[in-house]
Amino acid sequence: MTATPYDQDDLLTFLVGYGVALGSGDLETVTDALAYPSVVVEAERSLVVPDAEAARDALGSMLTAYREQGLVAAVPDVRAVEQVGDALLWVDVRWSYKDENASEETAERVRYLLRRGRDTFELCVVVPVEE
């Protein structure tokens, strides 16, 4: 059985909106982008995020730190997409974090397992990638 192809424009719209929320410190939009429960998988540990309240607790300090570093934008560069089924995508994204002069201050790569839901995508699994 062949999976229904995902819409590249919808995926990019989701990631750009998520990046705008990261850059502006919009905690509610960032937490709305997550599925619950969601999982962050790192080399040392896995962290289950059971609900929006736990996500706000975990992500609030991260967004504050971005602002304190002068980062005002997070620009996604989609490196690869693997469709896992009708509703699931593995997406490899390089995030470019920009300052107010649009200069890249830092970057990171993250792989996401995204599920099509709530008329958009939602982040189910987040895996930071070491470069």
N, C-alpha and C. Protein backbone atom coordinates (compact mmCIF):
# COMPACT_ATOMS: atom_id res chain seq x y z
N MET A 1 0.85 -1.18 0.00
CA MET A 1 0.00 0.00 0.00
C MET A 1 0.89 1.24 0.00
N THR A 2 0.62 2.20 -0.86
CA THR A 2 1.41 3.41 -1.00
C THR A 2 0.84 4.51 -0.12
N ALA A 3 1.73 5.22 0.57
CA ALA A 3 1.31 6.33 1.43
C ALA A 3 0.90 7.52 0.58
N THR A 4 -0.06 8.27 1.06
CA THR A 4 -0.45 9.51 0.42
C THR A 4 0.69 10.51 0.58
N PRO A 5 1.17 11.10 -0.52
CA PRO A 5 2.30 12.03 -0.40
C PRO A 5 1.96 13.23 0.49
N TYR A 6 2.94 13.65 1.26
CA TYR A 6 2.76 14.83 2.11
C TYR A 6 2.88 16.08 1.24
N ASP A 7 2.37 17.18 1.73
CA ASP A 7 2.44 18.45 1.03
C ASP A 7 3.66 19.23 1.51
N GLN A 8 4.64 19.46 0.63
CA GLN A 8 5.87 20.16 1.00
C GLN A 8 5.59 21.57 1.50
N ASP A 9 4.62 22.25 0.90
CA ASP A 9 4.29 23.61 1.34
C ASP A 9 3.73 23.61 2.76
N ASP A 10 2.88 22.62 3.08
CA ASP A 10 2.34 22.51 4.44
C ASP A 10 3.46 22.27 5.44
N LEU A 11 4.40 21.41 5.08
CA LEU A 11 5.52 21.12 5.98
C LEU A 11 6.35 22.37 6.22
N LEU A 12 6.68 23.08 5.16
CA LEU A 12 7.48 24.29 5.30
C LEU A 12 6.73 25.37 6.10
N THR A 13 5.43 25.50 5.86
CA THR A 13 4.62 26.46 6.61
C THR A 13 4.67 26.13 8.10
N PHE A 14 4.55 24.85 8.45
CA PHE A 14 4.62 24.45 9.86
C PHE A 14 5.98 24.81 10.45
N LEU A 15 7.07 24.44 9.76
CA LEU A 15 8.41 24.67 10.30
C LEU A 15 8.73 26.17 10.40
N VAL A 16 8.33 26.95 9.42
CA VAL A 16 8.56 28.39 9.47
C VAL A 16 7.78 28.99 10.64
N GLY A 17 6.54 28.59 10.83
CA GLY A 17 5.74 29.08 11.95
C GLY A 17 6.35 28.70 13.29
N TYR A 18 6.86 27.47 13.37
CA TYR A 18 7.52 27.01 14.59
C TYR A 18 8.78 27.84 14.83
N GLY A 19 9.54 28.11 13.77
CA GLY A 19 10.75 28.93 13.88
C GLY A 19 10.44 30.35 14.32
N VAL A 20 9.36 30.93 13.80
CA VAL A 20 8.96 32.27 14.21
C VAL A 20 8.62 32.27 15.71
N ALA A 21 7.93 31.24 16.17
CA ALA A 21 7.59 31.15 17.59
C ALA A 21 8.84 31.00 18.44
N LEU A 22 9.79 30.18 17.99
CA LEU A 22 11.06 30.04 18.72
C LEU A 22 11.77 31.38 18.81
N GLY A 23 11.87 32.07 17.69
CA GLY A 23 12.60 33.34 17.64
C GLY A 23 11.94 34.45 18.44
N SER A 24 10.62 34.43 18.50
CA SER A 24 9.91 35.51 19.20
C SER A 24 9.65 35.16 20.67
N GLY A 25 9.99 33.93 21.06
CA GLY A 25 9.75 33.53 22.44
C GLY A 25 8.29 33.21 22.74
N ASP A 26 7.53 32.85 21.72
CA ASP A 26 6.11 32.55 21.85
C ASP A 26 5.92 31.14 22.40
N LEU A 27 5.93 31.03 23.71
CA LEU A 27 5.88 29.74 24.38
C LEU A 27 4.61 28.96 24.06
N GLU A 28 3.48 29.63 23.97
CA GLU A 28 2.22 28.93 23.69
C GLU A 28 2.23 28.28 22.32
N THR A 29 2.71 28.99 21.30
CA THR A 29 2.76 28.41 19.97
C THR A 29 3.75 27.25 19.91
N VAL A 30 4.88 27.39 20.58
CA VAL A 30 5.86 26.30 20.61
C VAL A 30 5.25 25.07 21.26
N THR A 31 4.57 25.23 22.39
CA THR A 31 3.98 24.07 23.06
C THR A 31 2.80 23.51 22.28
N ASP A 32 2.09 24.34 21.54
CA ASP A 32 0.99 23.86 20.70
C ASP A 32 1.50 23.00 19.54
N ALA A 33 2.76 23.16 19.18
CA ALA A 33 3.34 22.39 18.07
C ALA A 33 3.70 20.96 18.47
N LEU A 34 3.67 20.67 19.75
CA LEU A 34 4.03 19.34 20.24
C LEU A 34 2.82 18.42 20.32
N ALA A 35 3.06 17.13 20.08
CA ALA A 35 2.07 16.10 20.38
C ALA A 35 2.28 15.71 21.84
N TYR A 36 1.23 15.22 22.47
CA TYR A 36 1.38 14.78 23.86
C TYR A 36 0.89 13.37 24.02
N PRO A 37 1.71 12.52 24.64
CA PRO A 37 3.07 12.81 25.07
C PRO A 37 4.01 12.89 23.87
N SER A 38 5.10 13.60 24.04
CA SER A 38 6.18 13.64 23.04
C SER A 38 7.46 13.20 23.74
N VAL A 39 8.47 12.92 22.94
CA VAL A 39 9.72 12.40 23.49
C VAL A 39 10.89 13.17 22.89
N VAL A 40 11.83 13.57 23.75
CA VAL A 40 13.10 14.14 23.31
C VAL A 40 14.15 13.06 23.57
N VAL A 41 14.86 12.66 22.52
CA VAL A 41 15.85 11.60 22.64
C VAL A 41 17.23 12.18 22.41
N GLU A 42 18.07 12.12 23.44
CA GLU A 42 19.45 12.59 23.36
C GLU A 42 20.37 11.41 23.59
N ALA A 43 21.66 11.59 23.39
CA ALA A 43 22.63 10.50 23.58
C ALA A 43 22.62 9.99 25.01
N GLU A 44 22.44 10.89 25.97
CA GLU A 44 22.53 10.52 27.38
C GLU A 44 21.20 10.09 27.99
N ARG A 45 20.08 10.54 27.40
CA ARG A 45 18.79 10.29 28.05
C ARG A 45 17.65 10.48 27.07
N SER A 46 16.50 10.01 27.50
CA SER A 46 15.25 10.29 26.80
C SER A 46 14.33 10.98 27.79
N LEU A 47 13.64 11.99 27.32
CA LEU A 47 12.76 12.77 28.17
C LEU A 47 11.35 12.72 27.60
N VAL A 48 10.41 12.23 28.38
CA VAL A 48 9.02 12.20 27.96
C VAL A 48 8.38 13.51 28.42
N VAL A 49 7.70 14.16 27.51
CA VAL A 49 6.98 15.39 27.81
C VAL A 49 5.49 15.02 27.78
N PRO A 50 4.89 14.85 28.98
CA PRO A 50 3.54 14.29 29.03
C PRO A 50 2.42 15.24 28.63
N ASP A 51 2.62 16.55 28.84
CA ASP A 51 1.52 17.49 28.58
C ASP A 51 2.08 18.90 28.36
N ALA A 52 1.18 19.83 28.01
CA ALA A 52 1.60 21.20 27.69
C ALA A 52 2.23 21.90 28.89
N GLU A 53 1.76 21.62 30.09
CA GLU A 53 2.34 22.25 31.27
C GLU A 53 3.81 21.85 31.44
N ALA A 54 4.10 20.56 31.27
CA ALA A 54 5.49 20.09 31.36
C ALA A 54 6.33 20.71 30.24
N ALA A 55 5.75 20.86 29.05
CA ALA A 55 6.48 21.48 27.93
C ALA A 55 6.80 22.93 28.24
N ARG A 56 5.82 23.66 28.79
CA ARG A 56 6.06 25.07 29.15
C ARG A 56 7.18 25.17 30.18
N ASP A 57 7.18 24.27 31.16
CA ASP A 57 8.24 24.27 32.19
C ASP A 57 9.60 24.00 31.56
N ALA A 58 9.66 23.04 30.64
CA ALA A 58 10.93 22.63 30.04
C ALA A 58 11.44 23.64 29.02
N LEU A 59 10.54 24.28 28.29
CA LEU A 59 10.95 25.13 27.17
C LEU A 59 11.03 26.61 27.51
N GLY A 60 10.40 27.03 28.58
CA GLY A 60 10.40 28.46 28.93
C GLY A 60 11.80 29.01 29.11
N SER A 61 12.64 28.29 29.83
CA SER A 61 14.00 28.78 30.05
C SER A 61 14.83 28.77 28.77
N MET A 62 14.57 27.80 27.88
CA MET A 62 15.28 27.75 26.60
C MET A 62 14.95 28.98 25.76
N LEU A 63 13.68 29.34 25.69
CA LEU A 63 13.28 30.51 24.91
C LEU A 63 13.82 31.80 25.52
N THR A 64 13.84 31.88 26.83
CA THR A 64 14.41 33.04 27.51
C THR A 64 15.90 33.16 27.19
N ALA A 65 16.60 32.03 27.20
CA ALA A 65 18.04 32.04 26.90
C ALA A 65 18.29 32.51 25.47
N TYR A 66 17.43 32.11 24.52
CA TYR A 66 17.58 32.60 23.14
C TYR A 66 17.51 34.12 23.11
N ARG A 67 16.51 34.67 23.79
CA ARG A 67 16.33 36.12 23.79
C ARG A 67 17.51 36.82 24.46
N GLU A 68 18.01 36.24 25.55
CA GLU A 68 19.15 36.83 26.26
C GLU A 68 20.41 36.82 25.40
N GLN A 69 20.51 35.88 24.47
CA GLN A 69 21.66 35.81 23.56
C GLN A 69 21.47 36.72 22.35
N GLY A 70 20.33 37.41 22.30
CA GLY A 70 20.07 38.31 21.18
C GLY A 70 19.53 37.60 19.95
N LEU A 71 19.08 36.37 20.09
CA LEU A 71 18.53 35.62 18.96
C LEU A 71 17.06 35.98 18.79
N VAL A 72 16.72 36.36 17.57
CA VAL A 72 15.35 36.82 17.32
C VAL A 72 14.65 36.03 16.22
N ALA A 73 15.35 35.09 15.60
CA ALA A 73 14.75 34.31 14.52
C ALA A 73 15.39 32.94 14.46
N ALA A 74 14.57 31.96 14.10
CA ALA A 74 15.05 30.60 13.87
C ALA A 74 14.56 30.21 12.47
N VAL A 75 15.50 30.02 11.56
CA VAL A 75 15.17 29.77 10.16
C VAL A 75 15.45 28.31 9.83
N PRO A 76 14.40 27.57 9.40
CA PRO A 76 14.60 26.16 9.10
C PRO A 76 15.15 25.93 7.69
N ASP A 77 16.04 24.96 7.59
CA ASP A 77 16.54 24.47 6.30
C ASP A 77 16.31 22.97 6.32
N VAL A 78 15.31 22.52 5.57
CA VAL A 78 14.97 21.10 5.56
C VAL A 78 16.01 20.35 4.74
N ARG A 79 16.71 19.43 5.40
CA ARG A 79 17.78 18.66 4.76
C ARG A 79 17.27 17.37 4.14
N ALA A 80 16.30 16.73 4.79
CA ALA A 80 15.77 15.46 4.27
C ALA A 80 14.41 15.20 4.87
N VAL A 81 13.58 14.50 4.11
CA VAL A 81 12.26 14.08 4.58
C VAL A 81 12.07 12.63 4.17
N GLU A 82 11.67 11.81 5.13
CA GLU A 82 11.32 10.42 4.84
C GLU A 82 9.89 10.20 5.29
N GLN A 83 9.05 9.84 4.35
CA GLN A 83 7.66 9.58 4.69
C GLN A 83 7.55 8.16 5.25
N VAL A 84 7.03 8.06 6.47
CA VAL A 84 6.95 6.77 7.17
C VAL A 84 5.57 6.14 6.97
N GLY A 85 4.59 6.91 6.66
CA GLY A 85 3.22 6.44 6.43
C GLY A 85 2.37 7.62 6.03
N ASP A 86 1.07 7.42 5.96
CA ASP A 86 0.18 8.51 5.56
C ASP A 86 0.30 9.73 6.46
N ALA A 87 0.53 9.51 7.75
CA ALA A 87 0.49 10.62 8.70
C ALA A 87 1.83 10.91 9.36
N LEU A 88 2.90 10.16 9.04
CA LEU A 88 4.17 10.32 9.75
C LEU A 88 5.32 10.66 8.80
N LEU A 89 6.16 11.61 9.25
CA LEU A 89 7.35 12.01 8.50
C LEU A 89 8.54 12.09 9.43
N TRP A 90 9.70 11.58 9.00
CA TRP A 90 10.97 11.89 9.66
C TRP A 90 11.54 13.08 8.90
N VAL A 91 11.85 14.14 9.61
CA VAL A 91 12.33 15.36 8.96
C VAL A 91 13.64 15.79 9.62
N ASP A 92 14.65 16.00 8.80
CA ASP A 92 15.97 16.47 9.26
C ASP A 92 16.04 17.96 8.94
N VAL A 93 16.19 18.79 9.99
CA VAL A 93 16.17 20.24 9.83
C VAL A 93 17.44 20.84 10.43
N ARG A 94 18.05 21.75 9.68
CA ARG A 94 19.12 22.57 10.23
C ARG A 94 18.49 23.91 10.56
N TRP A 95 18.59 24.30 11.84
CA TRP A 95 18.06 25.58 12.29
C TRP A 95 19.19 26.60 12.33
N SER A 96 18.96 27.73 11.70
CA SER A 96 19.88 28.86 11.74
C SER A 96 19.27 29.91 12.66
N TYR A 97 19.94 30.16 13.78
CA TYR A 97 19.46 31.15 14.74
C TYR A 97 20.10 32.49 14.44
N LYS A 98 19.26 33.48 14.17
CA LYS A 98 19.71 34.79 13.71
C LYS A 98 19.56 35.86 14.79
N ASP A 99 20.45 36.86 14.70
CA ASP A 99 20.32 38.02 15.58
C ASP A 99 19.50 39.09 14.86
N GLU A 100 19.38 40.26 15.48
CA GLU A 100 18.55 41.33 14.90
C GLU A 100 19.09 41.86 13.58
N ASN A 101 20.35 41.58 13.26
CA ASN A 101 20.93 41.99 11.98
C ASN A 101 20.84 40.89 10.93
N ALA A 102 20.11 39.82 11.25
CA ALA A 102 19.93 38.66 10.37
C ALA A 102 21.23 37.88 10.15
N SER A 103 22.17 38.04 11.06
CA SER A 103 23.42 37.27 11.01
C SER A 103 23.22 35.98 11.80
N GLU A 104 23.75 34.89 11.25
CA GLU A 104 23.65 33.63 11.97
C GLU A 104 24.60 33.65 13.16
N GLU A 105 24.03 33.45 14.34
CA GLU A 105 24.81 33.41 15.57
C GLU A 105 25.15 31.98 15.97
N THR A 106 24.24 31.08 15.70
CA THR A 106 24.45 29.67 16.02
C THR A 106 23.52 28.84 15.14
N ALA A 107 23.78 27.54 15.11
CA ALA A 107 22.95 26.64 14.31
C ALA A 107 22.91 25.28 15.00
N GLU A 108 21.88 24.52 14.69
CA GLU A 108 21.80 23.16 15.20
C GLU A 108 20.98 22.33 14.22
N ARG A 109 21.22 21.03 14.26
CA ARG A 109 20.42 20.11 13.47
C ARG A 109 19.56 19.29 14.41
N VAL A 110 18.33 19.07 13.98
CA VAL A 110 17.38 18.29 14.75
C VAL A 110 16.60 17.41 13.78
N ARG A 111 16.37 16.18 14.20
CA ARG A 111 15.46 15.31 13.45
C ARG A 111 14.17 15.21 14.23
N TYR A 112 13.08 15.28 13.50
CA TYR A 112 11.75 15.23 14.11
C TYR A 112 10.95 14.10 13.50
N LEU A 113 10.18 13.41 14.33
CA LEU A 113 9.11 12.57 13.83
C LEU A 113 7.86 13.41 13.95
N LEU A 114 7.30 13.77 12.80
CA LEU A 114 6.11 14.61 12.76
C LEU A 114 4.89 13.77 12.41
N ARG A 115 3.79 14.12 13.03
CA ARG A 115 2.52 13.47 12.70
C ARG A 115 1.57 14.53 12.18
N ARG A 116 0.88 14.18 11.13
CA ARG A 116 -0.15 15.08 10.60
C ARG A 116 -1.31 15.03 11.57
N GLY A 117 -1.67 16.16 12.14
CA GLY A 117 -2.78 16.20 13.09
C GLY A 117 -3.20 17.62 13.34
N ARG A 118 -4.40 17.80 13.82
CA ARG A 118 -4.93 19.12 14.15
C ARG A 118 -4.78 20.10 12.98
N ASP A 119 -5.01 19.64 11.78
CA ASP A 119 -4.93 20.46 10.56
C ASP A 119 -3.53 20.97 10.26
N THR A 120 -2.54 20.42 10.91
CA THR A 120 -1.15 20.79 10.65
C THR A 120 -0.29 19.61 11.09
N PHE A 121 0.97 19.84 11.33
CA PHE A 121 1.84 18.79 11.86
C PHE A 121 2.02 19.01 13.35
N GLU A 122 2.45 17.96 14.04
CA GLU A 122 2.82 18.07 15.44
C GLU A 122 4.08 17.26 15.67
N LEU A 123 4.92 17.78 16.57
CA LEU A 123 6.21 17.15 16.88
C LEU A 123 5.99 16.02 17.87
N CYS A 124 6.30 14.80 17.46
CA CYS A 124 6.13 13.63 18.34
C CYS A 124 7.44 13.23 18.99
N VAL A 125 8.51 13.22 18.20
CA VAL A 125 9.84 12.84 18.68
C VAL A 125 10.83 13.90 18.20
N VAL A 126 11.68 14.35 19.12
CA VAL A 126 12.69 15.37 18.82
C VAL A 126 14.06 14.74 19.13
N VAL A 127 14.95 14.73 18.12
CA VAL A 127 16.26 14.14 18.29
C VAL A 127 17.33 15.15 17.85
N PRO A 128 17.99 15.82 18.81
CA PRO A 128 19.11 16.69 18.43
C PRO A 128 20.21 15.86 17.77
N VAL A 129 20.81 16.39 16.70
CA VAL A 129 21.82 15.68 15.93
C VAL A 129 23.16 16.36 16.14
N GLU A 130 24.15 15.61 16.56
CA GLU A 130 25.50 16.17 16.71
C GLU A 130 26.13 16.27 15.33
N GLU A 131 26.82 17.39 15.09
CA GLU A 131 27.50 17.56 13.80
C GLU A 131 28.99 17.51 13.99
